[in-house]
């Protein structure tokens, strides 16, 4: 099972790292960055999720 975390904009995860993301309906990957003192998610261009609708995220931790 994937340990999903509720996204809290006041306490974002580590920046410049890719995460699994969800808006409650779809799942994709995205990077989170601090852009001019504004935290933003950057999903792929063709994602069904926009960067403002992310409710949950999970760290990607594939075994080696």
N, C-alpha and C. Protein backbone atom coordinates (compact mmCIF):
# COMPACT_ATOMS: atom_id res chain seq x y z
N UNK A 1 0.84 -1.18 0.00
CA UNK A 1 0.00 0.00 0.00
C UNK A 1 0.88 1.25 0.00
N UNK A 2 0.46 2.25 -0.71
CA UNK A 2 1.21 3.51 -0.79
C UNK A 2 0.80 4.42 0.37
N UNK A 3 1.76 4.92 1.14
CA UNK A 3 1.42 5.81 2.27
C UNK A 3 1.17 7.25 1.81
N UNK A 4 -0.07 7.55 1.44
CA UNK A 4 -0.45 8.88 0.98
C UNK A 4 -0.50 9.85 2.16
N UNK A 5 -0.14 11.11 1.89
CA UNK A 5 -0.20 12.17 2.89
C UNK A 5 -1.08 13.29 2.35
N UNK A 6 -1.89 13.87 3.22
CA UNK A 6 -2.72 15.02 2.80
C UNK A 6 -1.78 16.20 2.57
N UNK A 7 -1.95 16.89 1.45
CA UNK A 7 -1.12 18.04 1.13
C UNK A 7 -1.54 19.25 1.95
N UNK A 8 -0.60 19.83 2.67
CA UNK A 8 -0.82 21.03 3.47
C UNK A 8 0.07 22.13 2.92
N UNK A 9 -0.48 23.14 2.26
CA UNK A 9 0.34 24.20 1.66
C UNK A 9 1.20 24.95 2.68
N UNK A 10 0.79 24.93 3.94
CA UNK A 10 1.58 25.60 4.98
C UNK A 10 2.76 24.76 5.44
N UNK A 11 2.75 23.48 5.09
CA UNK A 11 3.83 22.57 5.46
C UNK A 11 4.11 21.63 4.28
N UNK A 12 4.67 22.18 3.18
CA UNK A 12 4.87 21.37 1.98
C UNK A 12 6.02 20.36 2.16
N UNK A 13 6.02 19.34 1.30
CA UNK A 13 7.14 18.39 1.33
C UNK A 13 8.41 19.03 0.76
N UNK A 14 9.47 18.27 0.75
CA UNK A 14 10.78 18.74 0.26
C UNK A 14 10.67 19.22 -1.20
N UNK A 15 11.25 20.38 -1.48
CA UNK A 15 11.21 20.96 -2.82
C UNK A 15 12.17 20.26 -3.78
N UNK A 16 11.90 20.42 -5.09
CA UNK A 16 12.72 19.90 -6.19
C UNK A 16 12.86 18.39 -6.15
N UNK A 17 11.76 17.74 -5.81
CA UNK A 17 11.70 16.30 -5.74
C UNK A 17 10.38 15.87 -6.39
N UNK A 18 10.36 14.73 -7.07
CA UNK A 18 9.12 14.26 -7.69
C UNK A 18 8.34 13.39 -6.70
N UNK A 19 7.02 13.52 -6.76
CA UNK A 19 6.11 12.79 -5.89
C UNK A 19 4.97 12.23 -6.72
N UNK A 20 4.33 11.18 -6.21
CA UNK A 20 3.03 10.78 -6.74
C UNK A 20 2.04 11.80 -6.20
N UNK A 21 1.10 12.22 -7.01
CA UNK A 21 0.11 13.22 -6.59
C UNK A 21 -1.29 12.73 -6.93
N UNK A 22 -2.29 13.28 -6.24
CA UNK A 22 -3.67 12.95 -6.53
C UNK A 22 -4.57 14.14 -6.24
N UNK A 23 -5.64 14.23 -7.02
CA UNK A 23 -6.67 15.23 -6.76
C UNK A 23 -7.92 14.58 -6.19
N UNK A 24 -7.80 13.31 -5.81
CA UNK A 24 -8.93 12.55 -5.30
C UNK A 24 -9.58 11.67 -6.35
N UNK A 25 -9.28 11.93 -7.61
CA UNK A 25 -9.82 11.13 -8.71
C UNK A 25 -8.73 10.51 -9.56
N UNK A 26 -7.67 11.26 -9.83
CA UNK A 26 -6.60 10.83 -10.71
C UNK A 26 -5.27 10.78 -9.95
N UNK A 27 -4.33 10.04 -10.52
CA UNK A 27 -2.98 9.94 -9.95
C UNK A 27 -1.98 10.24 -11.04
N UNK A 28 -0.91 10.96 -10.69
CA UNK A 28 0.14 11.29 -11.64
C UNK A 28 1.42 11.57 -10.83
N UNK A 29 2.42 12.10 -11.49
CA UNK A 29 3.63 12.53 -10.80
C UNK A 29 3.75 14.04 -10.95
N UNK A 30 4.48 14.66 -10.04
CA UNK A 30 4.72 16.10 -10.15
C UNK A 30 5.91 16.47 -9.28
N UNK A 31 6.53 17.59 -9.63
CA UNK A 31 7.60 18.15 -8.82
C UNK A 31 7.04 19.36 -8.09
N UNK A 32 7.49 19.57 -6.87
CA UNK A 32 7.06 20.74 -6.11
C UNK A 32 8.26 21.68 -5.99
N UNK A 33 8.01 22.97 -6.21
CA UNK A 33 9.08 23.96 -6.19
C UNK A 33 8.61 25.23 -5.49
N UNK A 34 9.56 25.97 -4.98
CA UNK A 34 9.30 27.28 -4.42
C UNK A 34 9.68 28.29 -5.49
N UNK A 35 8.68 28.88 -6.13
CA UNK A 35 8.87 29.76 -7.28
C UNK A 35 8.54 31.19 -6.87
N UNK A 36 9.56 32.02 -6.69
CA UNK A 36 9.38 33.40 -6.24
C UNK A 36 8.52 33.46 -4.98
N UNK A 37 8.90 32.66 -3.98
CA UNK A 37 8.23 32.59 -2.68
C UNK A 37 6.79 32.09 -2.76
N UNK A 38 6.46 31.39 -3.83
CA UNK A 38 5.14 30.76 -3.96
C UNK A 38 5.37 29.27 -4.25
N UNK A 39 4.77 28.42 -3.44
CA UNK A 39 4.92 26.98 -3.61
C UNK A 39 4.00 26.53 -4.75
N UNK A 40 4.58 25.80 -5.71
CA UNK A 40 3.82 25.33 -6.87
C UNK A 40 4.15 23.88 -7.18
N UNK A 41 3.13 23.15 -7.58
CA UNK A 41 3.30 21.80 -8.10
C UNK A 41 3.38 21.89 -9.62
N UNK A 42 4.23 21.04 -10.22
CA UNK A 42 4.39 21.01 -11.67
C UNK A 42 4.15 19.59 -12.19
N UNK A 43 2.88 19.25 -12.48
CA UNK A 43 2.60 17.95 -13.10
C UNK A 43 2.95 18.00 -14.59
N UNK A 44 3.01 16.85 -15.27
CA UNK A 44 3.27 16.85 -16.71
C UNK A 44 2.21 17.63 -17.48
N UNK A 45 2.57 18.13 -18.64
CA UNK A 45 1.66 18.95 -19.45
C UNK A 45 0.34 18.25 -19.77
N UNK A 46 0.37 16.97 -20.01
CA UNK A 46 -0.86 16.25 -20.40
C UNK A 46 -1.55 15.58 -19.21
N UNK A 47 -1.21 15.98 -18.02
CA UNK A 47 -1.82 15.40 -16.82
C UNK A 47 -3.28 15.82 -16.70
N UNK A 48 -4.10 14.95 -16.12
CA UNK A 48 -5.49 15.29 -15.84
C UNK A 48 -5.60 16.10 -14.55
N UNK A 49 -4.47 16.31 -13.87
CA UNK A 49 -4.44 17.05 -12.61
C UNK A 49 -3.74 18.38 -12.85
N UNK A 50 -4.36 19.46 -12.42
CA UNK A 50 -3.64 20.74 -12.50
C UNK A 50 -2.95 20.98 -11.15
N UNK A 51 -1.97 21.84 -11.15
CA UNK A 51 -1.16 22.05 -9.96
C UNK A 51 -1.88 22.64 -8.77
N UNK A 52 -3.09 23.16 -8.97
CA UNK A 52 -3.84 23.79 -7.89
C UNK A 52 -4.83 22.85 -7.21
N UNK A 53 -5.09 21.69 -7.81
CA UNK A 53 -6.11 20.79 -7.28
C UNK A 53 -5.54 19.59 -6.52
N UNK A 54 -4.26 19.59 -6.21
CA UNK A 54 -3.63 18.46 -5.54
C UNK A 54 -4.04 18.42 -4.08
N UNK A 55 -4.55 17.26 -3.67
CA UNK A 55 -5.00 17.08 -2.29
C UNK A 55 -4.10 16.13 -1.50
N UNK A 56 -3.44 15.21 -2.20
CA UNK A 56 -2.59 14.21 -1.54
C UNK A 56 -1.33 13.98 -2.36
N UNK A 57 -0.29 13.54 -1.66
CA UNK A 57 0.96 13.19 -2.33
C UNK A 57 1.59 12.01 -1.60
N UNK A 58 2.51 11.36 -2.28
CA UNK A 58 3.25 10.24 -1.71
C UNK A 58 4.68 10.28 -2.24
N UNK A 59 5.61 9.96 -1.38
CA UNK A 59 7.02 9.89 -1.81
C UNK A 59 7.22 8.68 -2.71
N UNK A 60 8.04 8.85 -3.72
CA UNK A 60 8.41 7.75 -4.60
C UNK A 60 9.64 7.09 -4.00
N UNK A 61 9.50 5.85 -3.61
CA UNK A 61 10.61 5.16 -2.97
C UNK A 61 10.72 3.73 -3.50
N UNK A 62 11.16 3.64 -4.74
CA UNK A 62 11.31 2.34 -5.37
C UNK A 62 12.50 1.59 -4.77
N UNK A 63 12.38 0.28 -4.60
CA UNK A 63 13.51 -0.49 -4.09
C UNK A 63 14.63 -0.54 -5.12
N UNK A 64 15.83 -0.67 -4.62
CA UNK A 64 16.99 -0.73 -5.53
C UNK A 64 17.22 -2.11 -6.04
